[in-house]
Amino acid sequence: MIELKLTDAEWENLLQLVVIGEYAASQLKKKAEKFTHIAEKLYRKQYELHTKISGDEAEENEIADIREKISADIDDYLEYFENYERK
């Protein structure tokens, strides 16, 4: 087990990086599956930190809401990536 101490800002940045990485990996279809499990664990931890309820109890729509909130904070990066891919 690895223990990692992060500030709140570092944690938020890590989650944003996870969304960006998950988005990029999803472009490869098959390869994305191995990253999905790790991303899901981090989203559940974020749920737990904000609700004080175990992430294991979170429903899929609640996890999707967490991911959407993080995505909204980095829309510019994702939009740039999408436009860059098309060129």
Protein backbone atom coordinates (compact mmCIF):
# COMPACT_ATOMS: atom_id res chain seq x y z
CA MET A 1 0.00 0.00 0.00
CA ILE A 2 1.21 3.48 -0.85
CA GLU A 3 0.38 6.43 1.34
CA LEU A 4 0.44 9.89 -0.16
CA LYS A 5 -0.06 13.21 1.60
CA LEU A 6 -1.46 16.00 -0.56
CA THR A 7 -2.82 19.44 0.08
CA ASP A 8 -6.42 20.05 -0.98
CA ALA A 9 -5.14 21.93 -4.06
CA GLU A 10 -2.76 19.09 -4.98
CA TRP A 11 -5.60 16.56 -4.60
CA GLU A 12 -7.83 18.63 -6.89
CA ASN A 13 -5.01 18.87 -9.45
CA LEU A 14 -4.45 15.12 -9.28
CA LEU A 15 -8.13 14.48 -9.93
CA GLN A 16 -8.04 16.86 -12.89
CA LEU A 17 -5.00 15.04 -14.25
CA VAL A 18 -6.85 11.73 -13.85
CA VAL A 19 -9.80 13.03 -15.88
CA ILE A 20 -7.45 14.30 -18.60
CA GLY A 21 -5.59 11.00 -18.65
CA GLU A 22 -8.79 8.98 -18.64
CA TYR A 23 -10.09 11.05 -21.54
CA ALA A 24 -6.88 10.58 -23.52
CA ALA A 25 -6.80 6.84 -22.78
CA SER A 26 -10.43 6.48 -23.82
CA GLN A 27 -9.40 7.45 -27.33
CA LEU A 28 -7.56 4.11 -27.45
CA LYS A 29 -10.70 2.13 -26.49
CA LYS A 30 -9.19 -1.21 -25.37
CA LYS A 31 -6.31 0.35 -23.48
CA ALA A 32 -8.59 2.59 -21.38
CA GLU A 33 -10.05 -0.30 -19.40
CA LYS A 34 -6.94 -0.77 -17.29
CA PHE A 35 -7.11 2.87 -16.17
CA THR A 36 -10.82 2.96 -15.44
CA HIS A 37 -10.54 1.01 -12.20
CA ILE A 38 -7.91 3.35 -10.77
CA ALA A 39 -9.84 6.45 -11.79
CA GLU A 40 -12.99 5.02 -10.21
CA LYS A 41 -11.16 4.50 -6.90
CA LEU A 42 -10.03 8.13 -6.88
CA TYR A 43 -13.51 9.42 -7.71
CA ARG A 44 -14.93 7.32 -4.88
CA LYS A 45 -12.33 8.77 -2.51
CA GLN A 46 -13.37 12.28 -3.61
CA TYR A 47 -16.99 11.35 -2.90
CA GLU A 48 -15.99 10.12 0.53
CA LEU A 49 -14.03 13.29 1.32
CA HIS A 50 -16.94 15.54 0.39
CA THR A 51 -19.86 13.57 1.78
CA LYS A 52 -18.23 11.83 4.76
CA ILE A 53 -19.92 8.67 3.45
CA SER A 54 -17.90 5.67 2.35
CA GLY A 55 -17.07 5.79 -1.34
CA ASP A 56 -18.08 2.14 -1.54
CA GLU A 57 -21.66 3.23 -0.86
CA ALA A 58 -21.71 5.77 -3.70
CA GLU A 59 -24.01 4.97 -6.59
CA GLU A 60 -22.83 5.21 -10.19
CA ASN A 61 -24.71 8.47 -10.79
CA GLU A 62 -23.01 10.03 -7.75
CA ILE A 63 -19.60 9.03 -9.08
CA ALA A 64 -20.57 10.40 -12.49
CA ASP A 65 -21.48 13.69 -10.81
CA ILE A 66 -18.03 13.85 -9.18
CA ARG A 67 -16.35 13.21 -12.53
CA GLU A 68 -18.52 15.82 -14.26
CA LYS A 69 -17.65 18.45 -11.67
CA ILE A 70 -13.94 17.78 -12.15
CA SER A 71 -14.37 17.81 -15.93
CA ALA A 72 -16.12 21.17 -15.78
CA ASP A 73 -13.03 22.65 -14.10
CA ILE A 74 -10.82 21.52 -16.99
CA ASP A 75 -13.09 21.99 -20.00
CA ASP A 76 -10.48 24.21 -21.67
CA TYR A 77 -7.90 21.42 -21.60
CA LEU A 78 -10.31 18.84 -22.94
CA GLU A 79 -11.52 21.18 -25.68
CA TYR A 80 -7.93 21.91 -26.70
CA PHE A 81 -7.20 18.18 -26.83
CA GLU A 82 -10.27 17.52 -28.99
CA ASN A 83 -9.37 20.32 -31.42
CA TYR A 84 -5.72 19.31 -31.55
CA GLU A 85 -6.68 15.73 -32.44
CA ARG A 86 -8.74 16.90 -35.41
CA LYS A 87 -5.93 18.92 -37.03
